[in-house]
Amino acid sequence: MEPKIEKQTVLLRRRDVEARVALGRTALLKLVAKGTFPRPIRLGGTRTVRWAATEVDAWIAKQINQGRKGV
């Protein structure tokens, strides 16, 4: 029996993630390496990677909440 997916999962390319979070490639990959940004998902044993949109959106929401607490 296959798991039931409640909501359609959207996978984002690196360029799309960069635009969504307003960071460049180097800054984005540094955050991933530090463990403070969601890790990408490797597809099919290739070099192709994507990020889950829900994880990226959760990271953005966390940044907003932390930023507002400091104001």
PDB file of N, CA and C in Angstrom:
ATOM      1  N   MET A   1       0.844  -1.176   0.000  1.00  0.00           N
ATOM      2  CA  MET A   1       0.000   0.000   0.000  1.00  0.00           C
ATOM      3  C   MET A   1       0.891   1.242   0.000  1.00  0.00           C
ATOM      4  N   GLU A   2       0.674   2.147  -0.926  1.00  0.00           N
ATOM      5  CA  GLU A   2       1.463   3.372  -1.023  1.00  0.00           C
ATOM      6  C   GLU A   2       0.941   4.412  -0.047  1.00  0.00           C
ATOM      7  N   PRO A   3       1.861   5.230   0.492  1.00  0.00           N
ATOM      8  CA  PRO A   3       1.400   6.283   1.415  1.00  0.00           C
ATOM      9  C   PRO A   3       0.529   7.301   0.697  1.00  0.00           C
ATOM     10  N   LYS A   4      -0.471   7.781   1.399  1.00  0.00           N
ATOM     11  CA  LYS A   4      -1.371   8.768   0.831  1.00  0.00           C
ATOM     12  C   LYS A   4      -0.779  10.162   1.036  1.00  0.00           C
ATOM     13  N   ILE A   5      -0.710  10.933  -0.023  1.00  0.00           N
ATOM     14  CA  ILE A   5      -0.193  12.289   0.058  1.00  0.00           C
ATOM     15  C   ILE A   5      -1.381  13.238   0.124  1.00  0.00           C
ATOM     16  N   GLU A   6      -1.465  13.960   1.237  1.00  0.00           N
ATOM     17  CA  GLU A   6      -2.584  14.863   1.459  1.00  0.00           C
ATOM     18  C   GLU A   6      -2.549  16.078   0.544  1.00  0.00           C
ATOM     19  N   LYS A   7      -1.359  16.623   0.347  1.00  0.00           N
ATOM     20  CA  LYS A   7      -1.207  17.850  -0.391  1.00  0.00           C
ATOM     21  C   LYS A   7      -0.146  17.630  -1.463  1.00  0.00           C
ATOM     22  N   GLN A   8      -0.304  18.240  -2.598  1.00  0.00           N
ATOM     23  CA  GLN A   8       0.668  18.096  -3.662  1.00  0.00           C
ATOM     24  C   GLN A   8       1.999  18.688  -3.207  1.00  0.00           C
ATOM     25  N   THR A   9       3.056  17.895  -3.339  1.00  0.00           N
ATOM     26  CA  THR A   9       4.378  18.347  -2.957  1.00  0.00           C
ATOM     27  C   THR A   9       5.024  19.074  -4.128  1.00  0.00           C
ATOM     28  N   VAL A  10       5.493  20.275  -3.866  1.00  0.00           N
ATOM     29  CA  VAL A  10       6.148  21.079  -4.890  1.00  0.00           C
ATOM     30  C   VAL A  10       7.640  21.075  -4.592  1.00  0.00           C
ATOM     31  N   LEU A  11       8.429  20.758  -5.610  1.00  0.00           N
ATOM     32  CA  LEU A  11       9.882  20.770  -5.476  1.00  0.00           C
ATOM     33  C   LEU A  11      10.436  21.952  -6.258  1.00  0.00           C
ATOM     34  N   LEU A  12      11.351  22.675  -5.634  1.00  0.00           N
ATOM     35  CA  LEU A  12      11.899  23.896  -6.222  1.00  0.00           C
ATOM     36  C   LEU A  12      13.342  23.698  -6.679  1.00  0.00           C
ATOM     37  N   ARG A  13      13.686  24.296  -7.803  1.00  0.00           N
ATOM     38  CA  ARG A  13      15.066  24.332  -8.266  1.00  0.00           C
ATOM     39  C   ARG A  13      15.837  25.338  -7.425  1.00  0.00           C
ATOM     40  N   ARG A  14      17.161  25.234  -7.462  1.00  0.00           N
ATOM     41  CA  ARG A  14      17.999  26.150  -6.686  1.00  0.00           C
ATOM     42  C   ARG A  14      17.715  27.604  -7.038  1.00  0.00           C
ATOM     43  N   ARG A  15      17.613  27.899  -8.330  1.00  0.00           N
ATOM     44  CA  ARG A  15      17.341  29.281  -8.748  1.00  0.00           C
ATOM     45  C   ARG A  15      16.028  29.795  -8.177  1.00  0.00           C
ATOM     46  N   ASP A  16      15.038  28.923  -8.120  1.00  0.00           N
ATOM     47  CA  ASP A  16      13.740  29.317  -7.563  1.00  0.00           C
ATOM     48  C   ASP A  16      13.840  29.569  -6.062  1.00  0.00           C
ATOM     49  N   VAL A  17      14.628  28.743  -5.375  1.00  0.00           N
ATOM     50  CA  VAL A  17      14.829  28.925  -3.934  1.00  0.00           C
ATOM     51  C   VAL A  17      15.557  30.246  -3.685  1.00  0.00           C
ATOM     52  N   GLU A  18      16.602  30.503  -4.468  1.00  0.00           N
ATOM     53  CA  GLU A  18      17.353  31.758  -4.326  1.00  0.00           C
ATOM     54  C   GLU A  18      16.433  32.966  -4.466  1.00  0.00           C
ATOM     55  N   ALA A  19      15.571  32.932  -5.461  1.00  0.00           N
ATOM     56  CA  ALA A  19      14.651  34.050  -5.679  1.00  0.00           C
ATOM     57  C   ALA A  19      13.639  34.154  -4.532  1.00  0.00           C
ATOM     58  N   ARG A  20      13.197  33.028  -4.043  1.00  0.00           N
ATOM     59  CA  ARG A  20      12.180  33.010  -2.989  1.00  0.00           C
ATOM     60  C   ARG A  20      12.717  33.565  -1.674  1.00  0.00           C
ATOM     61  N   VAL A  21      13.984  33.274  -1.363  1.00  0.00           N
ATOM     62  CA  VAL A  21      14.539  33.708  -0.082  1.00  0.00           C
ATOM     63  C   VAL A  21      15.457  34.927  -0.220  1.00  0.00           C
ATOM     64  N   ALA A  22      15.620  35.419  -1.442  1.00  0.00           N
ATOM     65  CA  ALA A  22      16.430  36.607  -1.728  1.00  0.00           C
ATOM     66  C   ALA A  22      17.878  36.437  -1.273  1.00  0.00           C
ATOM     67  N   LEU A  23      18.438  35.266  -1.558  1.00  0.00           N
ATOM     68  CA  LEU A  23      19.838  34.985  -1.269  1.00  0.00           C
ATOM     69  C   LEU A  23      20.501  34.452  -2.527  1.00  0.00           C
ATOM     70  N   GLY A  24      21.794  34.656  -2.628  1.00  0.00           N
ATOM     71  CA  GLY A  24      22.550  34.106  -3.740  1.00  0.00           C
ATOM     72  C   GLY A  24      22.958  32.673  -3.473  1.00  0.00           C
ATOM     73  N   ARG A  25      23.549  32.052  -4.480  1.00  0.00           N
ATOM     74  CA  ARG A  25      23.945  30.643  -4.412  1.00  0.00           C
ATOM     75  C   ARG A  25      24.898  30.380  -3.249  1.00  0.00           C
ATOM     76  N   THR A  26      25.948  31.184  -3.143  1.00  0.00           N
ATOM     77  CA  THR A  26      26.946  30.956  -2.107  1.00  0.00           C
ATOM     78  C   THR A  26      26.341  31.068  -0.714  1.00  0.00           C
ATOM     79  N   ALA A  27      25.568  32.111  -0.477  1.00  0.00           N
ATOM     80  CA  ALA A  27      24.945  32.297   0.840  1.00  0.00           C
ATOM     81  C   ALA A  27      23.991  31.151   1.160  1.00  0.00           C
ATOM     82  N   LEU A  28      23.211  30.738   0.181  1.00  0.00           N
ATOM     83  CA  LEU A  28      22.269  29.643   0.368  1.00  0.00           C
ATOM     84  C   LEU A  28      22.996  28.355   0.740  1.00  0.00           C
ATOM     85  N   LEU A  29      24.031  28.016  -0.011  1.00  0.00           N
ATOM     86  CA  LEU A  29      24.757  26.769   0.242  1.00  0.00           C
ATOM     87  C   LEU A  29      25.521  26.807   1.564  1.00  0.00           C
ATOM     88  N   LYS A  30      25.961  27.984   1.992  1.00  0.00           N
ATOM     89  CA  LYS A  30      26.604  28.109   3.305  1.00  0.00           C
ATOM     90  C   LYS A  30      25.603  27.816   4.416  1.00  0.00           C
ATOM     91  N   LEU A  31      24.387  28.325   4.272  1.00  0.00           N
ATOM     92  CA  LEU A  31      23.353  28.056   5.274  1.00  0.00           C
ATOM     93  C   LEU A  31      23.012  26.569   5.335  1.00  0.00           C
ATOM     94  N   VAL A  32      22.956  25.920   4.170  1.00  0.00           N
ATOM     95  CA  VAL A  32      22.703  24.476   4.130  1.00  0.00           C
ATOM     96  C   VAL A  32      23.826  23.744   4.845  1.00  0.00           C
ATOM     97  N   ALA A  33      25.080  24.118   4.556  1.00  0.00           N
ATOM     98  CA  ALA A  33      26.238  23.467   5.171  1.00  0.00           C
ATOM     99  C   ALA A  33      26.243  23.645   6.689  1.00  0.00           C
ATOM    100  N   LYS A  34      25.794  24.816   7.179  1.00  0.00           N
ATOM    101  CA  LYS A  34      25.732  25.084   8.618  1.00  0.00           C
ATOM    102  C   LYS A  34      24.554  24.368   9.278  1.00  0.00           C
ATOM    103  N   GLY A  35      23.615  23.899   8.470  1.00  0.00           N
ATOM    104  CA  GLY A  35      22.446  23.225   9.024  1.00  0.00           C
ATOM    105  C   GLY A  35      21.327  24.166   9.425  1.00  0.00           C
ATOM    106  N   THR A  36      21.398  25.424   8.962  1.00  0.00           N
ATOM    107  CA  THR A  36      20.360  26.388   9.329  1.00  0.00           C
ATOM    108  C   THR A  36      19.351  26.620   8.212  1.00  0.00           C
ATOM    109  N   PHE A  37      19.484  25.897   7.117  1.00  0.00           N
ATOM    110  CA  PHE A  37      18.537  25.963   6.001  1.00  0.00           C
ATOM    111  C   PHE A  37      18.236  24.531   5.584  1.00  0.00           C
ATOM    112  N   PRO A  38      17.009  24.251   5.136  1.00  0.00           N
ATOM    113  CA  PRO A  38      16.656  22.889   4.743  1.00  0.00           C
ATOM    114  C   PRO A  38      17.614  22.312   3.690  1.00  0.00           C
ATOM    115  N   ARG A  39      17.955  21.046   3.856  1.00  0.00           N
ATOM    116  CA  ARG A  39      18.819  20.367   2.903  1.00  0.00           C
ATOM    117  C   ARG A  39      18.019  20.008   1.654  1.00  0.00           C
ATOM    118  N   PRO A  40      18.669  20.039   0.511  1.00  0.00           N
ATOM    119  CA  PRO A  40      17.977  19.657  -0.714  1.00  0.00           C
ATOM    120  C   PRO A  40      17.764  18.147  -0.779  1.00  0.00           C
ATOM    121  N   ILE A  41      16.857  17.756  -1.642  1.00  0.00           N
ATOM    122  CA  ILE A  41      16.527  16.340  -1.860  1.00  0.00           C
ATOM    123  C   ILE A  41      17.198  15.908  -3.158  1.00  0.00           C
ATOM    124  N   ARG A  42      17.998  14.849  -3.097  1.00  0.00           N
ATOM    125  CA  ARG A  42      18.656  14.334  -4.294  1.00  0.00           C
ATOM    126  C   ARG A  42      17.660  13.434  -5.037  1.00  0.00           C
ATOM    127  N   LEU A  43      17.529  13.660  -6.326  1.00  0.00           N
ATOM    128  CA  LEU A  43      16.560  12.918  -7.128  1.00  0.00           C
ATOM    129  C   LEU A  43      17.233  11.835  -7.965  1.00  0.00           C
ATOM    130  N   GLY A  44      16.747  10.634  -7.838  1.00  0.00           N
ATOM    131  CA  GLY A  44      17.130   9.535  -8.712  1.00  0.00           C
ATOM    132  C   GLY A  44      18.603   9.191  -8.783  1.00  0.00           C
ATOM    133  N   GLY A  45      19.361   9.436  -7.728  1.00  0.00           N
ATOM    134  CA  GLY A  45      20.766   9.085  -7.722  1.00  0.00           C
ATOM    135  C   GLY A  45      21.610   9.909  -8.682  1.00  0.00           C
ATOM    136  N   THR A  46      21.100  11.044  -9.116  1.00  0.00           N
ATOM    137  CA  THR A  46      21.830  11.917 -10.030  1.00  0.00           C
ATOM    138  C   THR A  46      22.329  13.136  -9.273  1.00  0.00           C
ATOM    139  N   ARG A  47      22.897  14.076  -9.986  1.00  0.00           N
ATOM    140  CA  ARG A  47      23.338  15.332  -9.375  1.00  0.00           C
ATOM    141  C   ARG A  47      22.179  16.298  -9.177  1.00  0.00           C
ATOM    142  N   THR A  48      21.022  15.947  -9.675  1.00  0.00           N
ATOM    143  CA  THR A  48      19.847  16.813  -9.599  1.00  0.00           C
ATOM    144  C   THR A  48      19.337  16.887  -8.163  1.00  0.00           C
ATOM    145  N   VAL A  49      19.160  18.109  -7.672  1.00  0.00           N
ATOM    146  CA  VAL A  49      18.599  18.307  -6.337  1.00  0.00           C
ATOM    147  C   VAL A  49      17.459  19.313  -6.412  1.00  0.00           C
ATOM    148  N   ARG A  50      16.538  19.191  -5.491  1.00  0.00           N
ATOM    149  CA  ARG A  50      15.406  20.107  -5.365  1.00  0.00           C
ATOM    150  C   ARG A  50      15.120  20.315  -3.884  1.00  0.00           C
ATOM    151  N   TRP A  51      14.457  21.412  -3.578  1.00  0.00           N
ATOM    152  CA  TRP A  51      14.041  21.707  -2.212  1.00  0.00           C
ATOM    153  C   TRP A  51      12.531  21.590  -2.122  1.00  0.00           C
ATOM    154  N   ALA A  52      12.033  21.076  -1.009  1.00  0.00           N
ATOM    155  CA  ALA A  52      10.592  21.005  -0.774  1.00  0.00           C
ATOM    156  C   ALA A  52      10.099  22.422  -0.458  1.00  0.00           C
ATOM    157  N   ALA A  53       9.118  22.887  -1.204  1.00  0.00           N
ATOM    158  CA  ALA A  53       8.596  24.243  -1.038  1.00  0.00           C
ATOM    159  C   ALA A  53       8.081  24.468   0.382  1.00  0.00           C
ATOM    160  N   THR A  54       7.479  23.452   0.981  1.00  0.00           N
ATOM    161  CA  THR A  54       6.944  23.604   2.337  1.00  0.00           C
ATOM    162  C   THR A  54       8.054  23.862   3.349  1.00  0.00           C
ATOM    163  N   GLU A  55       9.221  23.211   3.165  1.00  0.00           N
ATOM    164  CA  GLU A  55      10.347  23.420   4.073  1.00  0.00           C
ATOM    165  C   GLU A  55      10.940  24.817   3.901  1.00  0.00           C
ATOM    166  N   VAL A  56      11.037  25.266   2.647  1.00  0.00           N
ATOM    167  CA  VAL A  56      11.555  26.602   2.374  1.00  0.00           C
ATOM    168  C   VAL A  56      10.607  27.650   2.956  1.00  0.00           C
ATOM    169  N   ASP A  57       9.313  27.458   2.756  1.00  0.00           N
ATOM    170  CA  ASP A  57       8.329  28.404   3.295  1.00  0.00           C
ATOM    171  C   ASP A  57       8.366  28.449   4.821  1.00  0.00           C
ATOM    172  N   ALA A  58       8.577  27.293   5.460  1.00  0.00           N
ATOM    173  CA  ALA A  58       8.681  27.252   6.918  1.00  0.00           C
ATOM    174  C   ALA A  58       9.916  28.017   7.389  1.00  0.00           C
ATOM    175  N   TRP A  59      11.017  27.902   6.650  1.00  0.00           N
ATOM    176  CA  TRP A  59      12.239  28.637   6.986  1.00  0.00           C
ATOM    177  C   TRP A  59      11.992  30.142   6.879  1.00  0.00           C
ATOM    178  N   ILE A  60      11.297  30.560   5.821  1.00  0.00           N
ATOM    179  CA  ILE A  60      10.979  31.978   5.631  1.00  0.00           C
ATOM    180  C   ILE A  60      10.125  32.485   6.798  1.00  0.00           C
ATOM    181  N   ALA A  61       9.104  31.725   7.167  1.00  0.00           N
ATOM    182  CA  ALA A  61       8.226  32.119   8.275  1.00  0.00           C
ATOM    183  C   ALA A  61       9.020  32.254   9.570  1.00  0.00           C
ATOM    184  N   LYS A  62       9.960  31.340   9.797  1.00  0.00           N
ATOM    185  CA  LYS A  62      10.796  31.401  10.996  1.00  0.00           C
ATOM    186  C   LYS A  62      11.649  32.667  10.991  1.00  0.00           C
ATOM    187  N   GLN A  63      12.206  33.024   9.844  1.00  0.00           N
ATOM    188  CA  GLN A  63      13.018  34.231   9.739  1.00  0.00           C
ATOM    189  C   GLN A  63      12.180  35.476  10.029  1.00  0.00           C
ATOM    190  N   ILE A  64      10.961  35.495   9.532  1.00  0.00           N
ATOM    191  CA  ILE A  64      10.065  36.628   9.783  1.00  0.00           C
ATOM    192  C   ILE A  64       9.771  36.750  11.270  1.00  0.00           C
ATOM    193  N   ASN A  65       9.432  35.622  11.898  1.00  0.00           N
ATOM    194  CA  ASN A  65       9.119  35.644  13.336  1.00  0.00           C
ATOM    195  C   ASN A  65      10.314  36.089  14.163  1.00  0.00           C
ATOM    196  N   GLN A  66      11.498  35.576  13.850  1.00  0.00           N
ATOM    197  CA  GLN A  66      12.696  35.966  14.595  1.00  0.00           C
ATOM    198  C   GLN A  66      13.022  37.442  14.373  1.00  0.00           C
ATOM    199  N   GLY A  67      12.844  37.911  13.157  1.00  0.00           N
ATOM    200  CA  GLY A  67      13.117  39.315  12.853  1.00  0.00           C
ATOM    201  C   GLY A  67      12.185  40.258  13.559  1.00  0.00           C
ATOM    202  N   ARG A  68      10.959  39.861  13.705  1.00  0.00           N
ATOM    203  CA  ARG A  68       9.979  40.726  14.375  1.00  0.00           C
ATOM    204  C   ARG A  68      10.189  40.751  15.877  1.00  0.00           C
ATOM    205  N   LYS A  69      10.709  39.674  16.435  1.00  0.00           N
ATOM    206  CA  LYS A  69      10.976  39.645  17.875  1.00  0.00           C
ATOM    207  C   LYS A  69      12.112  40.591  18.234  1.00  0.00           C
ATOM    208  N   GLY A  70      13.041  40.779  17.280  1.00  0.00           N
ATOM    209  CA  GLY A  70      14.195  41.631  17.541  1.00  0.00           C
ATOM    210  C   GLY A  70      13.921  43.107  17.332  1.00  0.00           C
ATOM    211  N   VAL A  71      12.745  43.454  16.769  1.00  0.00           N
ATOM    212  CA  VAL A  71      12.444  44.863  16.474  1.00  0.00           C
ATOM    213  C   VAL A  71      11.850  45.539  17.673  1.00  0.00           C
TER     214      VAL A  71
END
